[in-house]
Amino acid sequence: MSTLWSSPGVARVAEYCLRLTGLSSIERRVTETEAAIRRAMSQGGLGSPEEYLHHIQEDPGRIDHLVDEIVVGETYFFREPETLEFLLHKALPAVSASRDPGHVLNLWSAGCATGEEPYTLAILLDESEWRGRFRILATDISRSALARARGAEYSTWALRATSPEMTRRYFEQIGLRRYALAARYRKLVEFRFHNLAADSFPDLAAGVSGIDIILCRNVLMYFPREVTDRTAGNFFRAL
């Protein structure tokens, strides 16, 4: 670990987080990571890194706040239209041509953050020939992000690539600059916790096997090379 941490206690917290999550940006961005650790400590009402380390070791789920501080969860509806066009007009027809009639399409949004990507897929597929014949699994390492995804309530910032007509069609306004995704699309996505760096897969029980299409954007850049290579190999075997 880096010797630039302000104290051995902070270094131990960073080392534990790196081991648990595989986020190599912890070592590359020492100043930002230490600030994130201190914000997470403050949110938990903990006065020292030693207390905080004990707190998250007691229940690893408590590390969510720190992960949220470290990872930039940049996402929004209908992001990168070129990717979506490729999916609809190239990837899906190729899958259709190689599967039996009636095949149920299996998609995995890995590192789904607050759900904008898998919900975008749900909207697009529900209006395609695959309507009623697809399953979308969305996973993330942040339980708090998954909770927000299941709630499916978003600000106008998440809809910045969504036209007013599409916003009216797929969302209900619930407050000033706040929108809820229509219930029809919420039920088309299954959200689960999954740690790409630590959890083994393919895993039939976890639903990460026999996948037709995997979308994983801006996640692997947080991993060191060996974790990236292992995760890419696991993705290939999960297809």
Protein backbone atom coordinates (compact mmCIF):
# COMPACT_ATOMS: atom_id res chain seq x y z
CA MET A 1 0.00 0.00 0.00
CA SER A 2 1.01 3.62 -0.49
CA THR A 3 3.03 5.30 2.27
CA LEU A 4 1.24 8.61 1.64
CA TRP A 5 -1.70 7.98 3.98
CA SER A 6 -1.88 10.39 6.90
CA SER A 7 -1.94 7.62 9.50
CA PRO A 8 -1.54 3.83 9.81
CA GLY A 9 -5.23 3.62 10.71
CA VAL A 10 -6.33 5.23 7.44
CA ALA A 11 -3.90 2.98 5.54
CA ARG A 12 -5.48 -0.11 7.13
CA VAL A 13 -8.98 1.06 6.17
CA ALA A 14 -7.82 1.63 2.58
CA GLU A 15 -6.12 -1.78 2.46
CA TYR A 16 -9.25 -3.52 3.76
CA CYS A 17 -11.43 -1.72 1.21
CA LEU A 18 -9.03 -2.61 -1.61
CA ARG A 19 -9.02 -6.27 -0.58
CA LEU A 20 -12.81 -6.37 -0.30
CA THR A 21 -13.70 -4.48 -3.49
CA GLY A 22 -10.70 -4.69 -5.84
CA LEU A 23 -10.88 -0.94 -6.44
CA SER A 24 -7.33 -0.08 -7.48
CA SER A 25 -8.25 3.62 -7.65
CA ILE A 26 -7.88 3.51 -3.86
CA GLU A 27 -4.11 3.38 -4.31
CA ARG A 28 -3.97 5.66 -7.35
CA ARG A 29 -6.00 8.45 -5.75
CA VAL A 30 -4.72 8.63 -2.18
CA THR A 31 -5.87 12.17 -1.40
CA GLU A 32 -9.37 11.62 -2.79
CA THR A 33 -9.69 8.21 -1.11
CA GLU A 34 -8.62 9.52 2.28
CA ALA A 35 -11.17 12.34 1.98
CA ALA A 36 -13.80 9.71 1.12
CA ILE A 37 -12.81 7.63 4.16
CA ARG A 38 -13.16 10.64 6.44
CA ARG A 39 -16.57 11.53 4.97
CA ALA A 40 -17.75 7.95 5.51
CA MET A 41 -16.42 8.06 9.08
CA SER A 42 -18.31 11.29 9.69
CA GLN A 43 -21.54 9.85 8.28
CA GLY A 44 -21.18 6.89 10.64
CA GLY A 45 -20.41 9.11 13.63
CA LEU A 46 -17.03 7.42 14.11
CA GLY A 47 -14.12 9.42 15.45
CA SER A 48 -11.09 7.39 14.39
CA PRO A 49 -10.01 5.18 11.48
CA GLU A 50 -9.55 2.31 13.94
CA GLU A 51 -13.18 2.59 15.02
CA TYR A 52 -14.30 2.80 11.42
CA LEU A 53 -12.28 -0.27 10.43
CA HIS A 54 -13.86 -2.27 13.24
CA HIS A 55 -17.27 -0.93 12.18
CA ILE A 56 -16.97 -2.17 8.57
CA GLN A 57 -15.23 -5.43 9.47
CA GLU A 58 -18.13 -6.25 11.78
CA ASP A 59 -20.55 -5.90 8.85
CA PRO A 60 -19.00 -5.57 5.35
CA GLY A 61 -22.28 -4.13 4.09
CA ARG A 62 -21.39 -0.96 5.98
CA ILE A 63 -18.65 -0.23 3.47
CA ASP A 64 -21.32 0.90 0.99
CA HIS A 65 -21.01 4.55 1.99
CA LEU A 66 -17.27 4.45 1.36
CA VAL A 67 -17.70 2.71 -2.01
CA ASP A 68 -20.26 5.35 -2.98
CA GLU A 69 -17.75 8.07 -2.12
CA ILE A 70 -14.91 6.43 -4.08
CA VAL A 71 -16.75 5.31 -7.22
CA VAL A 72 -18.19 7.87 -9.60
CA GLY A 73 -21.64 6.44 -10.37
CA GLU A 74 -22.08 8.43 -13.59
CA THR A 75 -25.14 7.12 -15.40
CA TYR A 76 -28.35 8.33 -16.99
CA PHE A 77 -31.22 7.07 -19.14
CA PHE A 78 -30.57 6.37 -22.84
CA ARG A 79 -26.86 6.98 -22.37
CA GLU A 80 -24.55 6.64 -25.39
CA PRO A 81 -27.17 6.17 -28.14
CA GLU A 82 -24.58 4.62 -30.47
CA THR A 83 -24.22 1.69 -28.06
CA LEU A 84 -27.98 1.29 -27.86
CA GLU A 85 -28.27 1.41 -31.67
CA PHE A 86 -25.62 -1.31 -31.95
CA LEU A 87 -27.46 -3.40 -29.37
CA LEU A 88 -30.82 -3.11 -31.11
CA HIS A 89 -29.71 -3.41 -34.74
CA LYS A 90 -26.59 -5.59 -34.58
CA ALA A 91 -26.24 -7.57 -31.36
CA LEU A 92 -29.86 -8.56 -30.80
CA PRO A 93 -30.49 -9.70 -34.41
CA ALA A 94 -27.32 -11.82 -34.17
CA VAL A 95 -28.58 -13.40 -30.95
CA SER A 96 -32.01 -13.97 -32.49
CA ALA A 97 -30.50 -15.71 -35.53
CA SER A 98 -28.51 -18.11 -33.35
CA ARG A 99 -31.26 -19.07 -30.88
CA ASP A 100 -34.33 -21.27 -31.11
CA PRO A 101 -37.71 -19.59 -31.63
CA GLY A 102 -39.18 -18.61 -28.29
CA HIS A 103 -35.76 -18.18 -26.66
CA VAL A 104 -35.88 -15.98 -23.56
CA LEU A 105 -33.20 -13.30 -23.89
CA ASN A 106 -30.86 -13.10 -20.88
CA LEU A 107 -29.13 -9.75 -20.25
CA TRP A 108 -26.85 -8.69 -17.42
CA SER A 109 -26.10 -5.08 -16.51
CA ALA A 110 -22.96 -5.48 -14.38
CA GLY A 111 -22.20 -2.45 -12.25
CA CYS A 112 -25.68 -1.00 -12.74
CA ALA A 113 -25.35 1.80 -10.15
CA THR A 114 -28.78 3.37 -9.60
CA GLY A 115 -30.51 1.49 -12.40
CA GLU A 116 -30.68 3.85 -15.34
CA GLU A 117 -28.95 1.42 -17.72
CA PRO A 118 -31.04 -1.72 -17.03
CA TYR A 119 -34.25 0.29 -17.00
CA THR A 120 -33.29 1.77 -20.38
CA LEU A 121 -32.85 -1.79 -21.66
CA ALA A 122 -36.24 -2.74 -20.24
CA ILE A 123 -37.93 0.13 -22.08
CA LEU A 124 -36.23 -0.66 -25.38
CA LEU A 125 -36.82 -4.41 -25.23
CA ASP A 126 -40.44 -4.00 -24.16
CA GLU A 127 -41.00 -2.16 -27.44
CA SER A 128 -39.15 -4.72 -29.54
CA GLU A 129 -39.79 -8.22 -30.89
CA TRP A 130 -38.42 -9.52 -27.57
CA ARG A 131 -41.36 -8.17 -25.57
CA GLY A 132 -42.36 -10.76 -22.99
CA ARG A 133 -39.27 -12.88 -23.78
CA PHE A 134 -36.42 -11.29 -21.89
CA ARG A 135 -34.87 -11.22 -18.44
CA ILE A 136 -32.65 -8.40 -17.17
CA LEU A 137 -30.37 -8.97 -14.21
CA ALA A 138 -28.77 -5.82 -12.78
CA THR A 139 -26.00 -6.06 -10.18
CA ASP A 140 -23.80 -3.70 -8.22
CA ILE A 141 -21.42 -3.68 -5.27
CA SER A 142 -23.28 -0.80 -3.60
CA ARG A 143 -26.36 -1.85 -1.68
CA SER A 144 -27.42 1.77 -1.28
CA ALA A 145 -27.28 2.25 -5.06
CA LEU A 146 -29.35 -0.91 -5.52
CA ALA A 147 -31.93 0.40 -3.05
CA ARG A 148 -32.23 3.61 -5.04
CA ALA A 149 -32.49 1.59 -8.26
CA ARG A 150 -35.37 -0.46 -6.87
CA GLY A 151 -37.10 2.76 -5.82
CA ALA A 152 -36.84 3.97 -9.45
CA GLU A 153 -37.19 7.67 -8.62
CA TYR A 154 -34.94 10.08 -10.49
CA SER A 155 -34.11 13.74 -10.90
CA THR A 156 -34.12 15.56 -14.22
CA TRP A 157 -30.31 15.09 -14.32
CA ALA A 158 -30.84 11.35 -14.88
CA LEU A 159 -33.21 12.24 -17.74
CA ARG A 160 -30.90 14.68 -19.50
CA ALA A 161 -30.76 12.50 -22.65
CA THR A 162 -34.49 11.75 -22.54
CA SER A 163 -36.79 13.89 -24.66
CA PRO A 164 -39.85 15.54 -23.03
CA GLU A 165 -42.11 13.20 -25.02
CA MET A 166 -40.25 10.13 -23.77
CA THR A 167 -40.25 11.47 -20.23
CA ARG A 168 -44.05 11.82 -20.35
CA ARG A 169 -44.38 8.35 -21.85
CA TYR A 170 -42.18 6.40 -19.44
CA PHE A 171 -42.25 8.44 -16.22
CA GLU A 172 -44.61 10.07 -13.78
CA GLN A 173 -43.70 13.43 -12.30
CA ILE A 174 -43.78 13.15 -8.51
CA GLY A 175 -42.33 16.49 -7.49
CA LEU A 176 -40.23 19.41 -8.56
CA ARG A 177 -37.72 17.93 -11.02
CA ARG A 178 -38.45 14.44 -9.66
CA TYR A 179 -39.81 11.53 -11.72
CA ALA A 180 -40.77 7.92 -11.03
CA LEU A 181 -40.36 5.25 -13.67
CA ALA A 182 -43.64 3.63 -14.69
CA ALA A 183 -44.36 0.42 -12.74
CA ARG A 184 -44.56 -1.51 -16.02
CA TYR A 185 -40.79 -1.20 -16.47
CA ARG A 186 -39.75 -1.54 -12.85
CA LYS A 187 -40.93 -5.13 -12.72
CA LEU A 188 -38.85 -6.07 -15.77
CA VAL A 189 -35.51 -5.74 -13.94
CA GLU A 190 -34.15 -7.89 -11.11
CA PHE A 191 -31.57 -6.16 -8.91
CA ARG A 192 -29.00 -8.13 -6.92
CA PHE A 193 -25.82 -7.45 -4.97
CA HIS A 194 -22.73 -8.78 -6.72
CA ASN A 195 -19.04 -8.08 -6.25
CA LEU A 196 -17.26 -8.53 -9.59
CA ALA A 197 -13.84 -8.53 -7.93
CA ALA A 198 -14.60 -11.03 -5.17
CA ASP A 199 -17.60 -13.18 -6.12
CA SER A 200 -16.95 -16.22 -8.28
CA PHE A 201 -18.96 -16.57 -11.47
CA PRO A 202 -20.44 -17.98 -13.67
CA ASP A 203 -22.86 -18.96 -10.93
CA LEU A 204 -26.18 -20.56 -11.82
CA ALA A 205 -27.66 -19.91 -8.35
CA ALA A 206 -26.81 -16.20 -8.60
CA GLY A 207 -28.27 -15.98 -12.10
CA VAL A 208 -24.95 -15.05 -13.71
CA SER A 209 -24.62 -17.86 -16.23
CA GLY A 210 -26.08 -18.57 -19.64
CA ILE A 211 -26.14 -14.84 -20.41
CA ASP A 212 -26.78 -13.65 -23.97
CA ILE A 213 -25.50 -10.08 -23.59
CA ILE A 214 -23.46 -8.43 -20.83
CA LEU A 215 -23.19 -4.67 -20.45
CA CYS A 216 -20.39 -3.47 -18.18
CA ARG A 217 -19.39 0.16 -18.58
CA ASN A 218 -16.92 2.22 -16.54
CA VAL A 219 -16.40 -0.50 -13.94
CA LEU A 220 -13.26 -2.38 -14.95
CA MET A 221 -11.26 0.85 -14.98
CA TYR A 222 -11.40 0.79 -11.17
CA PHE A 223 -9.67 -2.63 -10.99
CA PRO A 224 -5.98 -3.54 -11.14
CA ARG A 225 -4.92 -5.44 -14.26
CA GLU A 226 -5.08 -8.91 -12.71
CA VAL A 227 -8.64 -8.35 -11.43
CA THR A 228 -9.69 -6.92 -14.80
CA ASP A 229 -8.30 -9.97 -16.60
CA ARG A 230 -10.00 -12.38 -14.21
CA THR A 231 -13.33 -10.55 -14.44
CA ALA A 232 -13.19 -10.45 -18.25
CA GLY A 233 -12.54 -14.20 -18.29
CA ASN A 234 -15.47 -14.77 -15.95
CA PHE A 235 -17.71 -12.64 -18.19
CA PHE A 236 -16.74 -14.79 -21.19
CA ARG A 237 -17.54 -17.99 -19.32
CA ALA A 238 -20.87 -16.55 -18.14
CA LEU A 239 -22.03 -16.08 -21.75
